[in-house]
């Protein structure tokens, strides 16, 4: 499953789509030059239980590592993933 990423000015989204229909997304806002804030994660019922939300968080972690920035996970789902995945602590703000 491919996770795509778009950025518009100070906001961005990691998402999964099928047939040009967005089925899952995780949105974030830039908070200065060195941090993003994950504020929302949503997965369509058809994909629930398949780990798609975790894939979105992993994509954000990979992005943060690439840019050497930190993530503040305000979204309850993303925060729960960070709590369980201690290997992501290097990007946790």
Protein backbone atom coordinates (compact mmCIF):
# COMPACT_ATOMS: atom_id res chain seq x y z
CA UNK A 1 0.00 0.00 0.00
CA UNK A 2 1.49 3.31 -1.08
CA UNK A 3 1.43 6.31 1.25
CA UNK A 4 1.47 9.62 -0.60
CA UNK A 5 2.40 13.02 0.79
CA UNK A 6 1.47 16.57 -0.14
CA UNK A 7 2.45 19.89 1.43
CA UNK A 8 0.57 23.16 1.05
CA UNK A 9 2.35 26.10 2.69
CA UNK A 10 2.19 25.35 6.43
CA UNK A 11 0.08 22.18 6.30
CA UNK A 12 0.65 18.70 4.96
CA UNK A 13 -1.05 15.36 4.66
CA UNK A 14 0.06 11.75 4.33
CA UNK A 15 -2.63 9.69 2.63
CA UNK A 16 -3.66 6.46 0.95
CA UNK A 17 -6.03 6.48 -1.99
CA UNK A 18 -7.64 3.98 -4.29
CA UNK A 19 -9.18 4.90 -7.63
CA UNK A 20 -8.56 8.59 -6.84
CA UNK A 21 -10.60 8.29 -3.63
CA UNK A 22 -8.81 9.10 -0.37
CA UNK A 23 -9.32 6.23 2.07
CA UNK A 24 -6.93 7.26 4.85
CA UNK A 25 -5.16 10.44 5.85
CA UNK A 26 -3.05 11.97 8.56
CA UNK A 27 -2.78 15.76 8.62
CA UNK A 28 -0.12 17.94 10.18
CA UNK A 29 0.90 21.57 10.54
CA UNK A 30 4.39 23.00 10.44
CA UNK A 31 5.43 24.57 13.73
CA UNK A 32 8.50 26.54 12.81
CA UNK A 33 11.44 25.23 10.80
CA UNK A 34 12.16 22.19 12.95
CA UNK A 35 8.83 20.67 14.01
CA UNK A 36 5.52 19.36 12.70
CA UNK A 37 2.35 18.75 14.70
CA UNK A 38 0.23 15.73 13.75
CA UNK A 39 -3.33 16.84 14.43
CA UNK A 40 -5.64 14.27 12.84
CA UNK A 41 -5.68 10.69 11.56
CA UNK A 42 -8.63 9.10 9.81
CA UNK A 43 -8.95 5.69 8.16
CA UNK A 44 -11.97 4.50 6.16
CA UNK A 45 -13.85 1.59 7.69
CA UNK A 46 -12.90 -0.58 4.71
CA UNK A 47 -9.23 -0.40 5.77
CA UNK A 48 -9.60 -0.64 9.55
CA UNK A 49 -7.53 -3.30 11.25
CA UNK A 50 -5.01 -3.44 8.40
CA UNK A 51 -2.36 -1.23 9.99
CA UNK A 52 -2.93 1.68 7.61
CA UNK A 53 -2.87 4.26 10.40
CA UNK A 54 0.50 2.94 11.54
CA UNK A 55 1.77 3.19 7.95
CA UNK A 56 0.80 6.86 7.92
CA UNK A 57 2.68 7.49 11.17
CA UNK A 58 5.72 5.63 9.82
CA UNK A 59 5.66 7.83 6.71
CA UNK A 60 5.67 10.92 8.93
CA UNK A 61 8.56 9.51 10.96
CA UNK A 62 10.54 8.78 7.79
CA UNK A 63 9.82 12.32 6.57
CA UNK A 64 10.95 13.82 9.90
CA UNK A 65 14.15 11.79 9.88
CA UNK A 66 14.90 12.86 6.32
CA UNK A 67 14.48 16.54 7.21
CA UNK A 68 15.96 16.16 10.71
CA UNK A 69 12.88 17.64 12.37
CA UNK A 70 10.71 16.63 15.33
CA UNK A 71 7.08 15.52 15.59
CA UNK A 72 4.55 16.56 18.21
CA UNK A 73 1.70 14.01 17.98
CA UNK A 74 -1.41 15.83 19.25
CA UNK A 75 -3.71 13.38 17.46
CA UNK A 76 -4.67 10.66 19.99
CA UNK A 77 -4.04 7.86 17.48
CA UNK A 78 -0.59 9.12 16.51
CA UNK A 79 0.29 9.71 20.17
CA UNK A 80 -0.66 6.10 20.96
CA UNK A 81 1.54 4.80 18.14
CA UNK A 82 4.49 6.87 19.38
CA UNK A 83 3.97 5.53 22.89
CA UNK A 84 4.14 1.91 21.64
CA UNK A 85 6.86 2.37 19.01
CA UNK A 86 9.85 3.47 21.09
CA UNK A 87 12.07 3.28 17.98
CA UNK A 88 10.36 6.54 16.91
CA UNK A 89 11.59 8.43 19.99
CA UNK A 90 14.39 10.08 17.98
CA UNK A 91 11.83 12.28 16.21
CA UNK A 92 9.44 12.77 19.14
CA UNK A 93 9.20 16.34 20.42
